[in-house]
Amino acid sequence: MRQNKALLKINGETLIERVISAIPGEKESIKIVTNSPDEYVFLGYRTISDIFPHLGPISGVHAGLVDSPLLYNFFLACDLPFISEAVIQTVQEKHTDQDILGLRSRRGLEPLCAVYSKRCIPLIEKQIKRGQHSLHSLFELVKSDFIQVSDQKALANLNTPQDWRQYLNNSTD
């Protein structure tokens, strides 16, 4: 979509607010990785800009990992309007020592509802330098695992105007 998906509104709430509300527990440690930090001031969270701008999700994960003092970090896309607290908790609770622990559904892998290790940083940088900007290609290079999700709707994301219209038509909120 040509517009910022995170700021699309339904019932007075932006998609990013909806996704954040699904995150269990305290929210003080949330950081927004974006190349347009001014658009997110209203949320009150710290923002981080990509070190390698405009390369997509791989550069956002990289920036978030570089910025974090923690070995393991949870990343969540802003365009998963049906994500639930239960699904997020499953990822967070089942994580052990994998470099990446993500979700899998019939639709495929969801790289942006996942825990990433800082050990991924050098490999991400190599991928970027090679022009390989897909997070999926990173999964093959590290110790990764995926949890099968039966709730297909939980991982439905909004990538096109058609997805957005369908979401508006099917939303029960």
N, C-alpha and C. Protein backbone atom coordinates (compact mmCIF):
# COMPACT_ATOMS: atom_id res chain seq x y z
N MET A 1 0.85 -1.17 0.00
CA MET A 1 0.00 0.00 0.00
C MET A 1 0.89 1.23 0.00
N ARG A 2 0.43 2.28 -0.61
CA ARG A 2 1.21 3.51 -0.73
C ARG A 2 1.19 4.35 0.54
N GLN A 3 0.19 4.17 1.37
CA GLN A 3 0.14 4.96 2.60
C GLN A 3 0.66 4.14 3.78
N ASN A 4 0.91 4.82 4.87
CA ASN A 4 1.45 4.18 6.06
C ASN A 4 0.38 3.31 6.70
N LYS A 5 0.53 2.00 6.60
CA LYS A 5 -0.47 1.06 7.13
C LYS A 5 -0.65 1.22 8.63
N ALA A 6 0.42 1.48 9.33
CA ALA A 6 0.36 1.56 10.80
C ALA A 6 -0.61 2.63 11.27
N LEU A 7 -0.81 3.67 10.45
CA LEU A 7 -1.64 4.79 10.88
C LEU A 7 -3.06 4.75 10.33
N LEU A 8 -3.41 3.70 9.61
CA LEU A 8 -4.79 3.55 9.16
C LEU A 8 -5.67 3.35 10.39
N LYS A 9 -6.86 3.95 10.36
CA LYS A 9 -7.73 3.90 11.54
C LYS A 9 -9.01 3.12 11.28
N ILE A 10 -9.44 2.46 12.35
CA ILE A 10 -10.77 1.86 12.39
C ILE A 10 -11.31 2.09 13.79
N ASN A 11 -12.52 2.57 13.87
CA ASN A 11 -13.15 2.89 15.15
C ASN A 11 -12.26 3.79 16.02
N GLY A 12 -11.60 4.75 15.37
CA GLY A 12 -10.80 5.72 16.10
C GLY A 12 -9.45 5.23 16.58
N GLU A 13 -9.08 4.01 16.22
CA GLU A 13 -7.82 3.42 16.68
C GLU A 13 -6.95 3.07 15.47
N THR A 14 -5.67 3.45 15.53
CA THR A 14 -4.76 3.09 14.45
C THR A 14 -4.41 1.61 14.54
N LEU A 15 -3.95 1.07 13.42
CA LEU A 15 -3.53 -0.34 13.42
C LEU A 15 -2.40 -0.58 14.41
N ILE A 16 -1.46 0.36 14.49
CA ILE A 16 -0.35 0.14 15.42
C ILE A 16 -0.85 0.15 16.86
N GLU A 17 -1.82 0.99 17.18
CA GLU A 17 -2.38 0.98 18.54
C GLU A 17 -3.07 -0.36 18.82
N ARG A 18 -3.75 -0.87 17.82
CA ARG A 18 -4.45 -2.15 17.98
C ARG A 18 -3.46 -3.28 18.23
N VAL A 19 -2.38 -3.30 17.47
CA VAL A 19 -1.36 -4.34 17.63
C VAL A 19 -0.67 -4.21 18.98
N ILE A 20 -0.32 -3.00 19.37
CA ILE A 20 0.33 -2.79 20.68
C ILE A 20 -0.57 -3.26 21.81
N SER A 21 -1.87 -3.04 21.67
CA SER A 21 -2.79 -3.44 22.74
C SER A 21 -2.81 -4.96 22.93
N ALA A 22 -2.39 -5.72 21.92
CA ALA A 22 -2.37 -7.18 22.03
C ALA A 22 -1.11 -7.69 22.74
N ILE A 23 -0.13 -6.83 22.93
CA ILE A 23 1.11 -7.26 23.57
C ILE A 23 0.86 -7.41 25.07
N PRO A 24 1.13 -8.60 25.61
CA PRO A 24 0.87 -8.82 27.03
C PRO A 24 1.88 -8.11 27.93
N GLY A 25 1.44 -7.82 29.14
CA GLY A 25 2.35 -7.28 30.15
C GLY A 25 2.65 -5.81 29.98
N GLU A 26 3.74 -5.40 30.62
CA GLU A 26 4.13 -4.00 30.59
C GLU A 26 4.58 -3.61 29.19
N LYS A 27 4.36 -2.37 28.85
CA LYS A 27 4.65 -1.91 27.50
C LYS A 27 5.73 -0.82 27.47
N GLU A 28 6.36 -0.56 28.61
CA GLU A 28 7.35 0.51 28.68
C GLU A 28 8.57 0.25 27.80
N SER A 29 8.88 -1.01 27.54
CA SER A 29 10.08 -1.33 26.77
C SER A 29 9.83 -1.37 25.26
N ILE A 30 8.62 -1.07 24.83
CA ILE A 30 8.30 -1.09 23.40
C ILE A 30 9.07 0.03 22.70
N LYS A 31 9.60 -0.33 21.54
CA LYS A 31 10.26 0.65 20.67
C LYS A 31 9.66 0.49 19.28
N ILE A 32 9.47 1.59 18.60
CA ILE A 32 8.93 1.59 17.25
C ILE A 32 10.09 1.78 16.28
N VAL A 33 10.30 0.82 15.38
CA VAL A 33 11.35 0.96 14.37
C VAL A 33 10.69 1.54 13.13
N THR A 34 11.16 2.72 12.72
CA THR A 34 10.52 3.45 11.62
C THR A 34 11.50 4.42 10.99
N ASN A 35 11.25 4.76 9.75
CA ASN A 35 12.03 5.81 9.09
C ASN A 35 11.29 7.14 9.13
N SER A 36 10.15 7.18 9.80
CA SER A 36 9.39 8.43 9.94
C SER A 36 8.97 8.59 11.41
N PRO A 37 9.92 8.83 12.30
CA PRO A 37 9.64 8.86 13.74
C PRO A 37 8.62 9.91 14.16
N ASP A 38 8.55 11.04 13.46
CA ASP A 38 7.60 12.09 13.85
C ASP A 38 6.15 11.62 13.79
N GLU A 39 5.86 10.66 12.93
CA GLU A 39 4.49 10.17 12.79
C GLU A 39 4.02 9.36 14.00
N TYR A 40 4.96 8.95 14.86
CA TYR A 40 4.63 8.07 15.98
C TYR A 40 4.77 8.72 17.35
N VAL A 41 5.02 10.01 17.37
CA VAL A 41 5.17 10.73 18.64
C VAL A 41 3.95 10.53 19.53
N PHE A 42 2.76 10.52 18.93
CA PHE A 42 1.51 10.41 19.69
C PHE A 42 1.43 9.13 20.53
N LEU A 43 2.21 8.12 20.18
CA LEU A 43 2.17 6.85 20.92
C LEU A 43 2.94 6.92 22.24
N GLY A 44 3.93 7.80 22.30
CA GLY A 44 4.71 7.95 23.52
C GLY A 44 5.82 6.92 23.70
N TYR A 45 6.13 6.17 22.65
CA TYR A 45 7.21 5.18 22.72
C TYR A 45 8.45 5.72 22.01
N ARG A 46 9.59 5.19 22.41
CA ARG A 46 10.84 5.56 21.77
C ARG A 46 10.84 5.02 20.34
N THR A 47 11.42 5.79 19.42
CA THR A 47 11.52 5.34 18.03
C THR A 47 12.99 5.10 17.67
N ILE A 48 13.18 4.19 16.75
CA ILE A 48 14.51 3.84 16.24
C ILE A 48 14.42 3.90 14.72
N SER A 49 15.41 4.49 14.08
CA SER A 49 15.44 4.53 12.61
C SER A 49 16.36 3.44 12.08
N ASP A 50 16.05 2.97 10.88
CA ASP A 50 16.88 1.96 10.23
C ASP A 50 18.29 2.48 10.02
N ILE A 51 19.26 1.62 10.23
CA ILE A 51 20.66 1.93 9.93
C ILE A 51 20.86 1.82 8.42
N PHE A 52 20.18 0.86 7.81
CA PHE A 52 20.16 0.68 6.36
C PHE A 52 18.74 1.01 5.91
N PRO A 53 18.45 2.29 5.65
CA PRO A 53 17.06 2.68 5.40
C PRO A 53 16.46 2.10 4.12
N HIS A 54 15.15 1.92 4.19
CA HIS A 54 14.31 1.59 3.04
C HIS A 54 14.63 0.24 2.40
N LEU A 55 15.05 -0.71 3.21
CA LEU A 55 15.30 -2.07 2.70
C LEU A 55 14.24 -3.04 3.19
N GLY A 56 13.23 -2.53 3.86
CA GLY A 56 12.16 -3.39 4.32
C GLY A 56 12.38 -3.94 5.71
N PRO A 57 11.65 -4.98 6.05
CA PRO A 57 11.68 -5.53 7.41
C PRO A 57 13.06 -5.96 7.90
N ILE A 58 13.92 -6.43 7.02
CA ILE A 58 15.24 -6.89 7.47
C ILE A 58 16.02 -5.75 8.11
N SER A 59 15.89 -4.54 7.55
CA SER A 59 16.62 -3.41 8.14
C SER A 59 15.99 -2.96 9.45
N GLY A 60 14.68 -3.14 9.59
CA GLY A 60 14.03 -2.82 10.86
C GLY A 60 14.44 -3.77 11.97
N VAL A 61 14.49 -5.06 11.65
CA VAL A 61 14.95 -6.04 12.64
C VAL A 61 16.40 -5.75 13.01
N HIS A 62 17.22 -5.45 12.02
CA HIS A 62 18.62 -5.13 12.28
C HIS A 62 18.74 -3.94 13.23
N ALA A 63 18.05 -2.85 12.93
CA ALA A 63 18.14 -1.64 13.77
C ALA A 63 17.66 -1.93 15.19
N GLY A 64 16.58 -2.67 15.31
CA GLY A 64 16.06 -3.01 16.64
C GLY A 64 17.04 -3.84 17.44
N LEU A 65 17.68 -4.81 16.79
CA LEU A 65 18.66 -5.65 17.48
C LEU A 65 19.89 -4.86 17.89
N VAL A 66 20.39 -4.02 16.99
CA VAL A 66 21.58 -3.21 17.29
C VAL A 66 21.30 -2.29 18.47
N ASP A 67 20.11 -1.73 18.53
CA ASP A 67 19.76 -0.78 19.59
C ASP A 67 19.54 -1.44 20.94
N SER A 68 19.14 -2.68 20.95
CA SER A 68 18.72 -3.33 22.19
C SER A 68 19.90 -3.86 23.02
N PRO A 69 19.80 -3.70 24.35
CA PRO A 69 20.82 -4.30 25.22
C PRO A 69 20.54 -5.79 25.48
N LEU A 70 19.38 -6.27 25.08
CA LEU A 70 18.97 -7.66 25.36
C LEU A 70 19.45 -8.62 24.28
N LEU A 71 19.75 -9.85 24.67
CA LEU A 71 20.15 -10.88 23.72
C LEU A 71 18.98 -11.28 22.83
N TYR A 72 17.79 -11.41 23.41
CA TYR A 72 16.60 -11.84 22.67
C TYR A 72 15.58 -10.71 22.64
N ASN A 73 15.01 -10.48 21.46
CA ASN A 73 14.08 -9.38 21.26
C ASN A 73 12.88 -9.84 20.45
N PHE A 74 11.71 -9.40 20.88
CA PHE A 74 10.47 -9.76 20.19
C PHE A 74 10.11 -8.66 19.20
N PHE A 75 9.82 -9.04 17.96
CA PHE A 75 9.43 -8.10 16.91
C PHE A 75 8.01 -8.42 16.47
N LEU A 76 7.23 -7.37 16.25
CA LEU A 76 5.83 -7.53 15.86
C LEU A 76 5.48 -6.51 14.79
N ALA A 77 4.96 -6.98 13.66
CA ALA A 77 4.56 -6.10 12.57
C ALA A 77 3.35 -5.28 12.96
N CYS A 78 3.24 -4.11 12.35
CA CYS A 78 2.11 -3.22 12.65
C CYS A 78 0.86 -3.59 11.86
N ASP A 79 0.98 -4.52 10.91
CA ASP A 79 -0.15 -4.82 10.03
C ASP A 79 -0.76 -6.20 10.27
N LEU A 80 -0.78 -6.60 11.53
CA LEU A 80 -1.42 -7.87 11.93
C LEU A 80 -2.61 -7.55 12.84
N PRO A 81 -3.70 -7.06 12.29
CA PRO A 81 -4.79 -6.56 13.12
C PRO A 81 -5.52 -7.62 13.95
N PHE A 82 -5.34 -8.89 13.60
CA PHE A 82 -6.04 -9.95 14.34
C PHE A 82 -5.12 -10.69 15.30
N ILE A 83 -3.90 -10.22 15.45
CA ILE A 83 -2.97 -10.87 16.36
C ILE A 83 -3.55 -10.80 17.78
N SER A 84 -3.34 -11.85 18.54
CA SER A 84 -3.91 -11.89 19.88
C SER A 84 -2.82 -11.98 20.93
N GLU A 85 -3.19 -11.61 22.13
CA GLU A 85 -2.28 -11.73 23.26
C GLU A 85 -1.83 -13.18 23.43
N ALA A 86 -2.74 -14.13 23.24
CA ALA A 86 -2.41 -15.55 23.40
C ALA A 86 -1.34 -16.00 22.41
N VAL A 87 -1.44 -15.57 21.16
CA VAL A 87 -0.45 -15.94 20.15
C VAL A 87 0.90 -15.34 20.50
N ILE A 88 0.92 -14.09 20.89
CA ILE A 88 2.18 -13.42 21.26
C ILE A 88 2.80 -14.12 22.47
N GLN A 89 2.00 -14.43 23.46
CA GLN A 89 2.51 -15.12 24.65
C GLN A 89 3.11 -16.47 24.29
N THR A 90 2.50 -17.17 23.36
CA THR A 90 3.03 -18.46 22.94
C THR A 90 4.44 -18.32 22.40
N VAL A 91 4.66 -17.33 21.55
CA VAL A 91 6.01 -17.11 21.00
C VAL A 91 6.98 -16.78 22.12
N GLN A 92 6.59 -15.87 22.99
CA GLN A 92 7.49 -15.44 24.06
C GLN A 92 7.79 -16.58 25.04
N GLU A 93 6.81 -17.39 25.35
CA GLU A 93 7.00 -18.46 26.34
C GLU A 93 7.74 -19.67 25.78
N LYS A 94 7.58 -19.95 24.49
CA LYS A 94 8.20 -21.14 23.91
C LYS A 94 9.63 -20.90 23.47
N HIS A 95 10.06 -19.65 23.51
CA HIS A 95 11.43 -19.35 23.08
C HIS A 95 12.43 -19.94 24.06
N THR A 96 13.45 -20.59 23.53
CA THR A 96 14.54 -21.10 24.38
C THR A 96 15.85 -20.47 23.91
N ASP A 97 16.63 -21.18 23.13
CA ASP A 97 17.92 -20.62 22.71
C ASP A 97 18.03 -20.46 21.19
N GLN A 98 16.91 -20.48 20.50
CA GLN A 98 16.94 -20.31 19.05
C GLN A 98 17.40 -18.89 18.71
N ASP A 99 18.00 -18.75 17.53
CA ASP A 99 18.32 -17.41 17.03
C ASP A 99 17.05 -16.72 16.56
N ILE A 100 16.13 -17.51 16.03
CA ILE A 100 14.82 -16.98 15.62
C ILE A 100 13.76 -18.00 15.99
N LEU A 101 12.71 -17.53 16.63
CA LEU A 101 11.52 -18.34 16.86
C LEU A 101 10.34 -17.55 16.35
N GLY A 102 9.71 -18.07 15.30
CA GLY A 102 8.60 -17.38 14.69
C GLY A 102 7.36 -18.25 14.60
N LEU A 103 6.43 -17.82 13.78
CA LEU A 103 5.16 -18.51 13.62
C LEU A 103 5.00 -19.02 12.20
N ARG A 104 4.29 -20.12 12.09
CA ARG A 104 3.98 -20.71 10.78
C ARG A 104 2.48 -21.00 10.76
N SER A 105 1.88 -20.70 9.62
CA SER A 105 0.47 -21.05 9.41
C SER A 105 0.36 -21.64 8.01
N ARG A 106 -0.85 -21.95 7.61
CA ARG A 106 -1.04 -22.47 6.24
C ARG A 106 -0.58 -21.45 5.21
N ARG A 107 -0.61 -20.19 5.58
CA ARG A 107 -0.18 -19.12 4.66
C ARG A 107 1.34 -19.07 4.51
N GLY A 108 2.06 -19.67 5.45
CA GLY A 108 3.52 -19.64 5.40
C GLY A 108 4.10 -19.11 6.71
N LEU A 109 5.33 -18.63 6.63
CA LEU A 109 6.02 -18.12 7.82
C LEU A 109 5.69 -16.65 8.04
N GLU A 110 5.61 -16.26 9.30
CA GLU A 110 5.41 -14.85 9.65
C GLU A 110 6.68 -14.38 10.36
N PRO A 111 7.56 -13.69 9.63
CA PRO A 111 8.83 -13.27 10.22
C PRO A 111 8.73 -12.09 11.18
N LEU A 112 7.58 -11.45 11.22
CA LEU A 112 7.45 -10.28 12.09
C LEU A 112 6.45 -10.47 13.22
N CYS A 113 6.41 -11.65 13.73
CA CYS A 113 5.83 -11.96 15.03
C CYS A 113 6.76 -13.04 15.55
N ALA A 114 7.95 -12.59 15.96
CA ALA A 114 9.03 -13.53 16.23
C ALA A 114 10.03 -12.97 17.22
N VAL A 115 10.76 -13.88 17.85
CA VAL A 115 11.87 -13.51 18.72
C VAL A 115 13.15 -13.69 17.91
N TYR A 116 14.00 -12.66 17.92
CA TYR A 116 15.29 -12.70 17.23
C TYR A 116 16.41 -12.51 18.25
N SER A 117 17.50 -13.21 18.04
CA SER A 117 18.69 -13.08 18.87
C SER A 117 19.63 -12.05 18.27
N LYS A 118 20.36 -11.35 19.12
CA LYS A 118 21.39 -10.42 18.64
C LYS A 118 22.47 -11.16 17.85
N ARG A 119 22.55 -12.47 18.01
CA ARG A 119 23.52 -13.25 17.22
C ARG A 119 23.23 -13.15 15.72
N CYS A 120 22.03 -12.71 15.37
CA CYS A 120 21.66 -12.57 13.95
C CYS A 120 22.29 -11.34 13.30
N ILE A 121 22.74 -10.38 14.09
CA ILE A 121 23.21 -9.10 13.53
C ILE A 121 24.26 -9.29 12.43
N PRO A 122 25.37 -10.01 12.67
CA PRO A 122 26.37 -10.13 11.60
C PRO A 122 25.84 -10.80 10.34
N LEU A 123 24.95 -11.77 10.52
CA LEU A 123 24.38 -12.45 9.35
C LEU A 123 23.43 -11.53 8.59
N ILE A 124 22.67 -10.73 9.31
CA ILE A 124 21.78 -9.77 8.64
C ILE A 124 22.63 -8.78 7.84
N GLU A 125 23.71 -8.30 8.43
CA GLU A 125 24.57 -7.35 7.73
C GLU A 125 25.16 -7.97 6.46
N LYS A 126 25.56 -9.23 6.53
CA LYS A 126 26.06 -9.93 5.33
C LYS A 126 24.97 -10.04 4.28
N GLN A 127 23.76 -10.40 4.73
CA GLN A 127 22.63 -10.52 3.80
C GLN A 127 22.39 -9.18 3.09
N ILE A 128 22.37 -8.11 3.86
CA ILE A 128 22.12 -6.78 3.29
C ILE A 128 23.21 -6.42 2.28
N LYS A 129 24.46 -6.66 2.63
CA LYS A 129 25.57 -6.34 1.72
C LYS A 129 25.50 -7.16 0.44
N ARG A 130 24.93 -8.34 0.50
CA ARG A 130 24.75 -9.20 -0.68
C ARG A 130 23.50 -8.83 -1.48
N GLY A 131 22.72 -7.91 -0.96
CA GLY A 131 21.48 -7.53 -1.64
C GLY A 131 20.34 -8.49 -1.38
N GLN A 132 20.48 -9.32 -0.36
CA GLN A 132 19.42 -10.27 0.01
C GLN A 132 18.64 -9.67 1.18
N HIS A 133 17.50 -9.11 0.89
CA HIS A 133 16.74 -8.36 1.89
C HIS A 133 15.56 -9.12 2.46
N SER A 134 15.49 -10.40 2.22
CA SER A 134 14.38 -11.20 2.72
C SER A 134 14.73 -11.81 4.08
N LEU A 135 13.85 -11.63 5.04
CA LEU A 135 14.06 -12.29 6.33
C LEU A 135 13.97 -13.81 6.18
N HIS A 136 13.19 -14.27 5.24
CA HIS A 136 13.05 -15.72 5.03
C HIS A 136 14.39 -16.37 4.72
N SER A 137 15.24 -15.69 3.96
CA SER A 137 16.55 -16.27 3.65
C SER A 137 17.43 -16.37 4.89
N LEU A 138 17.21 -15.50 5.86
CA LEU A 138 17.97 -15.54 7.11
C LEU A 138 17.64 -16.79 7.91
N PHE A 139 16.41 -17.26 7.84
CA PHE A 139 15.98 -18.42 8.62
C PHE A 139 16.85 -19.65 8.35
N GLU A 140 17.31 -19.76 7.12
CA GLU A 140 18.11 -20.93 6.74
C GLU A 140 19.54 -20.85 7.27
N LEU A 141 19.98 -19.67 7.68
CA LEU A 141 21.37 -19.47 8.09
C LEU A 141 21.59 -19.56 9.59
N VAL A 142 20.51 -19.57 10.34
CA VAL A 142 20.62 -19.54 11.81
C VAL A 142 19.81 -20.68 12.41
N LYS A 143 19.97 -20.85 13.70
CA LYS A 143 19.16 -21.83 14.42
C LYS A 143 17.76 -21.23 14.58
N SER A 144 16.83 -21.73 13.79
CA SER A 144 15.48 -21.16 13.82
C SER A 144 14.45 -22.27 14.00
N ASP A 145 13.32 -21.86 14.55
CA ASP A 145 12.22 -22.79 14.77
C ASP A 145 10.92 -22.01 14.61
N PHE A 146 9.86 -22.73 14.31
CA PHE A 146 8.58 -22.08 14.08
C PHE A 146 7.47 -22.84 14.76
N ILE A 147 6.58 -22.10 15.36
CA ILE A 147 5.42 -22.66 16.04
C ILE A 147 4.26 -22.65 15.06
N GLN A 148 3.61 -23.79 14.92
CA GLN A 148 2.44 -23.87 14.04
C GLN A 148 1.26 -23.18 14.72
N VAL A 149 0.62 -22.28 14.00
CA VAL A 149 -0.53 -21.55 14.52
C VAL A 149 -1.77 -22.05 13.81
N SER A 150 -2.75 -22.48 14.59
CA SER A 150 -3.98 -22.99 13.97
C SER A 150 -4.94 -21.86 13.60
N ASP A 151 -4.86 -20.74 14.31
CA ASP A 151 -5.72 -19.60 14.04
C ASP A 151 -5.16 -18.82 12.85
N GLN A 152 -5.63 -19.16 11.65
CA GLN A 152 -5.13 -18.53 10.43
C GLN A 152 -5.37 -17.02 10.43
N LYS A 153 -6.47 -16.61 11.01
CA LYS A 153 -6.82 -15.19 11.03
C LYS A 153 -5.79 -14.38 11.82
N ALA A 154 -5.19 -14.97 12.84
CA ALA A 154 -4.25 -14.25 13.70
C ALA A 154 -3.07 -13.70 12.91
N LEU A 155 -2.68 -14.38 11.83
CA LEU A 155 -1.53 -13.95 11.05
C LEU A 155 -1.91 -13.28 9.74
N ALA A 156 -3.17 -12.95 9.57
CA ALA A 156 -3.59 -12.24 8.37
C ALA A 156 -3.06 -10.82 8.44
N ASN A 157 -2.28 -10.44 7.41
CA ASN A 157 -1.77 -9.07 7.43
C ASN A 157 -2.35 -8.26 6.29
N LEU A 158 -2.13 -6.98 6.36
CA LEU A 158 -2.73 -6.04 5.42
C LEU A 158 -1.64 -5.48 4.51
N ASN A 159 -1.49 -6.06 3.34
CA ASN A 159 -0.44 -5.61 2.43
C ASN A 159 -0.96 -4.80 1.25
N THR A 160 -2.25 -4.90 0.97
CA THR A 160 -2.80 -4.23 -0.21
C THR A 160 -4.06 -3.46 0.17
N PRO A 161 -4.47 -2.51 -0.67
CA PRO A 161 -5.75 -1.84 -0.43
C PRO A 161 -6.91 -2.84 -0.36
N GLN A 162 -6.83 -3.91 -1.15
CA GLN A 162 -7.88 -4.94 -1.11
C GLN A 162 -7.91 -5.62 0.26
N ASP A 163 -6.73 -5.93 0.83
CA ASP A 163 -6.67 -6.50 2.19
C ASP A 163 -7.34 -5.57 3.19
N TRP A 164 -7.08 -4.27 3.06
CA TRP A 164 -7.65 -3.28 3.98
C TRP A 164 -9.17 -3.25 3.86
N ARG A 165 -9.67 -3.21 2.61
CA ARG A 165 -11.13 -3.20 2.41
C ARG A 165 -11.77 -4.46 2.99
N GLN A 166 -11.13 -5.59 2.77
CA GLN A 166 -11.66 -6.85 3.30
C GLN A 166 -11.66 -6.81 4.83
N TYR A 167 -10.61 -6.28 5.41
CA TYR A 167 -10.53 -6.15 6.87
C TYR A 167 -11.67 -5.27 7.38
N LEU A 168 -11.90 -4.13 6.73
CA LEU A 168 -12.98 -3.23 7.15
C LEU A 168 -14.34 -3.92 7.04
N ASN A 169 -14.54 -4.69 5.99
CA ASN A 169 -15.82 -5.38 5.79
C ASN A 169 -16.04 -6.51 6.79
N ASN A 170 -14.96 -7.14 7.24
CA ASN A 170 -15.07 -8.29 8.14
C ASN A 170 -14.85 -7.95 9.60
N SER A 171 -14.44 -6.73 9.89
CA SER A 171 -14.13 -6.37 11.27
C SER A 171 -15.41 -6.32 12.08
N THR A 172 -15.35 -6.94 13.24
CA THR A 172 -16.53 -6.95 14.12
C THR A 172 -16.37 -5.97 15.26
N ASP A 173 -15.27 -5.22 15.28
CA ASP A 173 -15.04 -4.25 16.37
C ASP A 173 -15.92 -3.05 16.20
